[in-house]
């Protein structure tokens, strides 16, 4: 199986969960090979692999999938987790950013968070179709697709589109035995988010805490399993009741 954006955070937790389940995992990273190698060293079992590259480039995305396929002998599960996540560096409130920067930020987020996932999905799905093997694809979306992201509208739009793309693929790929689902996490306490966690953030959920990467990974592991094939097309909220729809 291939996990994109697995150098840390949710992607690392997903890779660990699948390895613990006995799967061989291709760990994709964008730029941080050192962290990706750390992920690789934490995985149970043998036969795992690294696959690096910027998924905003369609040809690089092709190379990532080809490399993972060569290492694993085929891909039966894809988790589209790679994303340009919101940060102080890419905040783009419409009333507080120059037009040129607005355009750059939108292009960067859409190219990775949506088009990168779409291209990797195409490449992996065509392999599954050609091999007649079936399989599972899980997209990591966001609560922000529904709640709105006024400081990061490109991120919210990309994740909403990713959810819609997943549902389109669920219909298109079902005849080939390929299930497609998405998860929509709320705030998750990854390494990069620790300095943002305060009482206000914890108070978004009636549980009084934020989510853990392992909780998202557990849901992804289930949705990718043969037992969850009838969930194809679903978008699973994982936000501790912090946003209901």
Protein backbone atom coordinates (compact mmCIF):
# COMPACT_ATOMS: atom_id res chain seq x y z
CA UNK A 1 0.00 0.00 0.00
CA UNK A 2 1.04 3.62 -0.62
CA UNK A 3 0.61 6.48 1.86
CA UNK A 4 1.34 9.93 0.48
CA UNK A 5 2.66 12.56 2.86
CA UNK A 6 3.81 9.92 5.36
CA UNK A 7 6.92 11.64 6.73
CA UNK A 8 5.10 12.68 9.91
CA UNK A 9 1.72 13.40 11.48
CA UNK A 10 -1.38 11.61 10.21
CA UNK A 11 0.52 10.02 7.33
CA UNK A 12 3.09 8.48 9.67
CA UNK A 13 0.34 7.16 11.95
CA UNK A 14 -1.44 5.62 8.96
CA UNK A 15 1.76 3.94 7.77
CA UNK A 16 2.38 2.53 11.26
CA UNK A 17 -1.20 1.22 11.54
CA UNK A 18 -1.02 -0.61 8.22
CA UNK A 19 2.43 -2.05 8.97
CA UNK A 20 1.12 -3.29 12.33
CA UNK A 21 -1.67 -4.93 10.35
CA UNK A 22 0.90 -6.88 8.33
CA UNK A 23 0.92 -4.73 5.21
CA UNK A 24 3.97 -3.63 3.25
CA UNK A 25 3.99 0.15 3.06
CA UNK A 26 5.46 2.64 0.59
CA UNK A 27 6.16 5.82 2.58
CA UNK A 28 5.90 8.88 0.36
CA UNK A 29 7.46 12.20 1.29
CA UNK A 30 7.59 15.56 -0.45
CA UNK A 31 10.85 17.10 0.76
CA UNK A 32 11.69 15.76 4.22
CA UNK A 33 13.49 12.51 3.49
CA UNK A 34 14.99 12.42 6.99
CA UNK A 35 11.57 12.33 8.66
CA UNK A 36 10.34 9.81 6.09
CA UNK A 37 13.27 7.55 6.93
CA UNK A 38 12.30 7.85 10.59
CA UNK A 39 8.79 6.73 9.67
CA UNK A 40 10.27 3.80 7.79
CA UNK A 41 12.35 2.75 10.79
CA UNK A 42 9.28 2.71 13.04
CA UNK A 43 7.34 0.27 10.85
CA UNK A 44 6.84 -3.31 11.92
CA UNK A 45 7.76 -6.01 9.45
CA UNK A 46 9.93 -5.95 6.35
CA UNK A 47 9.64 -5.01 2.69
CA UNK A 48 8.64 -1.38 3.19
CA UNK A 49 9.87 1.35 0.85
CA UNK A 50 10.45 5.08 0.42
CA UNK A 51 9.10 7.09 -2.50
CA UNK A 52 9.91 10.80 -2.63
CA UNK A 53 8.72 13.64 -4.84
CA UNK A 54 6.59 16.75 -5.22
CA UNK A 55 3.11 15.56 -6.19
CA UNK A 56 2.21 18.95 -7.66
CA UNK A 57 4.25 17.87 -10.71
CA UNK A 58 2.28 15.25 -12.69
CA UNK A 59 5.42 13.53 -13.98
CA UNK A 60 6.93 13.37 -10.51
CA UNK A 61 3.66 11.86 -9.30
CA UNK A 62 3.99 9.23 -12.02
CA UNK A 63 7.51 8.47 -10.82
CA UNK A 64 6.36 8.13 -7.21
CA UNK A 65 3.70 5.58 -8.15
CA UNK A 66 6.07 3.67 -10.44
CA UNK A 67 8.73 3.55 -7.72
CA UNK A 68 6.27 2.33 -5.09
CA UNK A 69 4.90 -0.25 -7.48
CA UNK A 70 8.34 -1.56 -8.33
CA UNK A 71 9.28 -1.85 -4.65
CA UNK A 72 6.05 -3.51 -3.53
CA UNK A 73 5.11 -5.45 -6.64
CA UNK A 74 1.76 -3.67 -6.83
CA UNK A 75 -0.47 -1.33 -4.84
CA UNK A 76 -3.78 -2.54 -3.42
CA UNK A 77 -4.43 0.36 -1.04
CA UNK A 78 -3.81 4.08 -1.61
CA UNK A 79 -4.13 6.71 1.11
CA UNK A 80 -4.10 10.25 -0.31
CA UNK A 81 -2.79 12.19 2.67
CA UNK A 82 -0.19 14.58 1.18
CA UNK A 83 -1.24 18.21 1.50
CA UNK A 84 -0.02 21.75 1.89
CA UNK A 85 -1.48 22.31 5.35
CA UNK A 86 -2.52 25.69 6.77
CA UNK A 87 0.28 27.59 8.49
CA UNK A 88 1.26 31.14 9.30
CA UNK A 89 3.37 31.14 6.14
CA UNK A 90 0.41 30.50 3.81
CA UNK A 91 -2.40 32.35 5.58
CA UNK A 92 -4.41 34.13 2.88
CA UNK A 93 -7.35 36.09 4.26
CA UNK A 94 -9.01 37.87 1.38
CA UNK A 95 -8.84 41.26 3.14
CA UNK A 96 -5.19 40.94 4.13
CA UNK A 97 -3.15 39.66 1.18
CA UNK A 98 -1.92 41.05 -2.17
CA UNK A 99 -3.53 39.62 -5.30
CA UNK A 100 -0.28 38.03 -6.52
CA UNK A 101 0.22 36.20 -3.22
CA UNK A 102 -3.43 35.14 -3.26
CA UNK A 103 -2.90 33.52 -6.66
CA UNK A 104 0.33 31.78 -5.62
CA UNK A 105 -1.23 30.33 -2.49
CA UNK A 106 -4.28 29.03 -4.29
CA UNK A 107 -2.18 27.42 -7.00
CA UNK A 108 0.17 25.76 -4.49
CA UNK A 109 -2.63 24.28 -2.39
CA UNK A 110 -4.79 23.15 -5.29
CA UNK A 111 -1.84 21.59 -7.12
CA UNK A 112 -0.93 19.36 -4.16
CA UNK A 113 -4.09 18.93 -2.09
CA UNK A 114 -6.43 18.26 -5.02
CA UNK A 115 -4.64 17.70 -8.33
CA UNK A 116 -1.80 15.72 -6.78
CA UNK A 117 -4.31 13.37 -5.16
CA UNK A 118 -6.30 13.13 -8.39
CA UNK A 119 -3.23 12.22 -10.42
CA UNK A 120 -1.98 9.62 -7.95
CA UNK A 121 -5.48 8.16 -7.80
CA UNK A 122 -5.57 7.87 -11.59
CA UNK A 123 -2.20 6.13 -11.73
CA UNK A 124 -2.95 3.67 -8.92
CA UNK A 125 -6.53 2.99 -10.03
CA UNK A 126 -5.41 2.16 -13.56
CA UNK A 127 -3.01 -0.40 -12.12
CA UNK A 128 -5.81 -1.94 -10.08
CA UNK A 129 -8.06 -2.04 -13.14
CA UNK A 130 -5.40 -3.61 -15.34
CA UNK A 131 -4.57 -6.25 -12.70
CA UNK A 132 -8.28 -6.85 -11.96
CA UNK A 133 -7.24 -6.92 -8.32
CA UNK A 134 -9.75 -4.56 -6.75
CA UNK A 135 -8.53 -2.40 -3.91
CA UNK A 136 -9.22 0.58 -1.70
CA UNK A 137 -8.53 4.30 -1.90
CA UNK A 138 -8.95 6.57 1.12
CA UNK A 139 -8.67 10.34 0.87
CA UNK A 140 -7.73 12.44 3.89
CA UNK A 141 -9.94 15.51 3.68
CA UNK A 142 -10.87 17.98 6.39
CA UNK A 143 -13.62 19.34 8.61
CA UNK A 144 -12.76 22.66 6.98
CA UNK A 145 -14.47 21.51 3.79
CA UNK A 146 -17.78 21.96 5.63
CA UNK A 147 -17.09 24.42 8.41
CA UNK A 148 -15.23 26.87 6.18
CA UNK A 149 -11.66 28.15 6.39
CA UNK A 150 -11.80 31.98 6.22
CA UNK A 151 -8.05 32.34 6.83
CA UNK A 152 -7.22 29.50 4.43
CA UNK A 153 -9.98 29.40 1.81
CA UNK A 154 -7.86 27.53 -0.76
CA UNK A 155 -7.33 24.73 1.75
CA UNK A 156 -11.05 24.46 2.53
CA UNK A 157 -11.93 24.51 -1.16
CA UNK A 158 -9.34 21.90 -2.05
CA UNK A 159 -10.54 19.54 0.67
CA UNK A 160 -14.19 20.00 -0.30
CA UNK A 161 -13.25 19.19 -3.88
CA UNK A 162 -11.27 16.16 -2.68
CA UNK A 163 -14.37 14.83 -0.92
CA UNK A 164 -16.42 15.33 -4.10
CA UNK A 165 -13.71 13.74 -6.22
CA UNK A 166 -13.69 10.71 -3.94
CA UNK A 167 -17.42 10.27 -4.34
CA UNK A 168 -17.14 10.52 -8.12
CA UNK A 169 -14.41 7.88 -8.07
CA UNK A 170 -16.49 5.65 -5.80
CA UNK A 171 -19.09 5.43 -8.56
CA UNK A 172 -16.57 5.16 -11.40
CA UNK A 173 -14.42 2.47 -9.80
CA UNK A 174 -17.04 0.29 -8.11
CA UNK A 175 -17.46 -1.91 -11.23
CA UNK A 176 -13.78 -2.82 -10.85
CA UNK A 177 -14.12 -3.79 -7.20
CA UNK A 178 -12.34 -0.63 -5.97
CA UNK A 179 -13.83 1.12 -2.94
CA UNK A 180 -13.20 4.85 -2.44
CA UNK A 181 -13.87 6.69 0.82
CA UNK A 182 -12.75 9.86 2.57
CA UNK A 183 -12.19 10.98 6.14
CA UNK A 184 -12.73 14.55 7.33
CA UNK A 185 -10.66 15.13 10.47
CA UNK A 186 -11.05 18.12 12.74
CA UNK A 187 -8.09 19.50 14.67
CA UNK A 188 -5.50 16.76 15.13
CA UNK A 189 -2.59 17.05 17.56
CA UNK A 190 0.27 16.32 15.16
CA UNK A 191 3.83 17.44 15.78
CA UNK A 192 3.36 20.58 13.70
CA UNK A 193 0.17 21.59 15.50
CA UNK A 194 1.29 21.25 19.12
CA UNK A 195 2.03 24.96 19.60
CA UNK A 196 -1.51 25.84 18.44
CA UNK A 197 -3.30 23.69 21.01
CA UNK A 198 -4.84 25.79 23.76
CA UNK A 199 -8.07 25.81 25.75
CA UNK A 200 -9.93 27.48 22.87
CA UNK A 201 -8.91 24.75 20.44
CA UNK A 202 -9.58 21.95 22.93
CA UNK A 203 -12.96 23.53 23.68
CA UNK A 204 -14.11 23.09 20.08
CA UNK A 205 -14.98 19.50 20.98
CA UNK A 206 -17.31 18.55 23.83
CA UNK A 207 -14.68 15.96 24.74
CA UNK A 208 -12.44 18.85 25.71
CA UNK A 209 -9.47 17.69 23.67
CA UNK A 210 -8.15 17.45 20.12
CA UNK A 211 -7.88 14.33 18.01
CA UNK A 212 -4.85 12.06 17.86
CA UNK A 213 -3.20 10.95 14.60
CA UNK A 214 -3.70 7.35 15.68
CA UNK A 215 -7.48 7.87 15.83
CA UNK A 216 -7.51 9.02 12.22
CA UNK A 217 -5.25 6.12 11.25
CA UNK A 218 -7.59 3.60 12.89
CA UNK A 219 -10.50 4.91 10.82
CA UNK A 220 -8.46 4.83 7.62
CA UNK A 221 -7.37 1.25 8.33
CA UNK A 222 -10.99 0.20 8.73
CA UNK A 223 -12.20 2.01 5.60
CA UNK A 224 -9.46 0.38 3.53
CA UNK A 225 -10.41 -3.11 4.73
CA UNK A 226 -12.53 -5.56 2.72
CA UNK A 227 -15.14 -5.42 5.48
CA UNK A 228 -15.77 -1.72 4.72
CA UNK A 229 -16.35 -2.00 0.98
CA UNK A 230 -20.03 -1.09 1.44
CA UNK A 231 -18.89 2.26 2.87
CA UNK A 232 -17.61 3.26 -0.57
CA UNK A 233 -18.60 6.84 -1.32
CA UNK A 234 -18.78 7.82 2.34
CA UNK A 235 -17.08 10.81 3.94
CA UNK A 236 -16.45 9.99 7.60
CA UNK A 237 -16.34 12.91 10.05
CA UNK A 238 -13.56 12.54 12.63
CA UNK A 239 -13.87 15.69 14.69
CA UNK A 240 -15.04 14.71 18.18
CA UNK A 241 -18.46 16.30 17.59
CA UNK A 242 -16.79 19.68 17.12
CA UNK A 243 -18.73 20.23 13.88
CA UNK A 244 -21.96 18.45 13.01
CA UNK A 245 -23.68 18.44 9.63
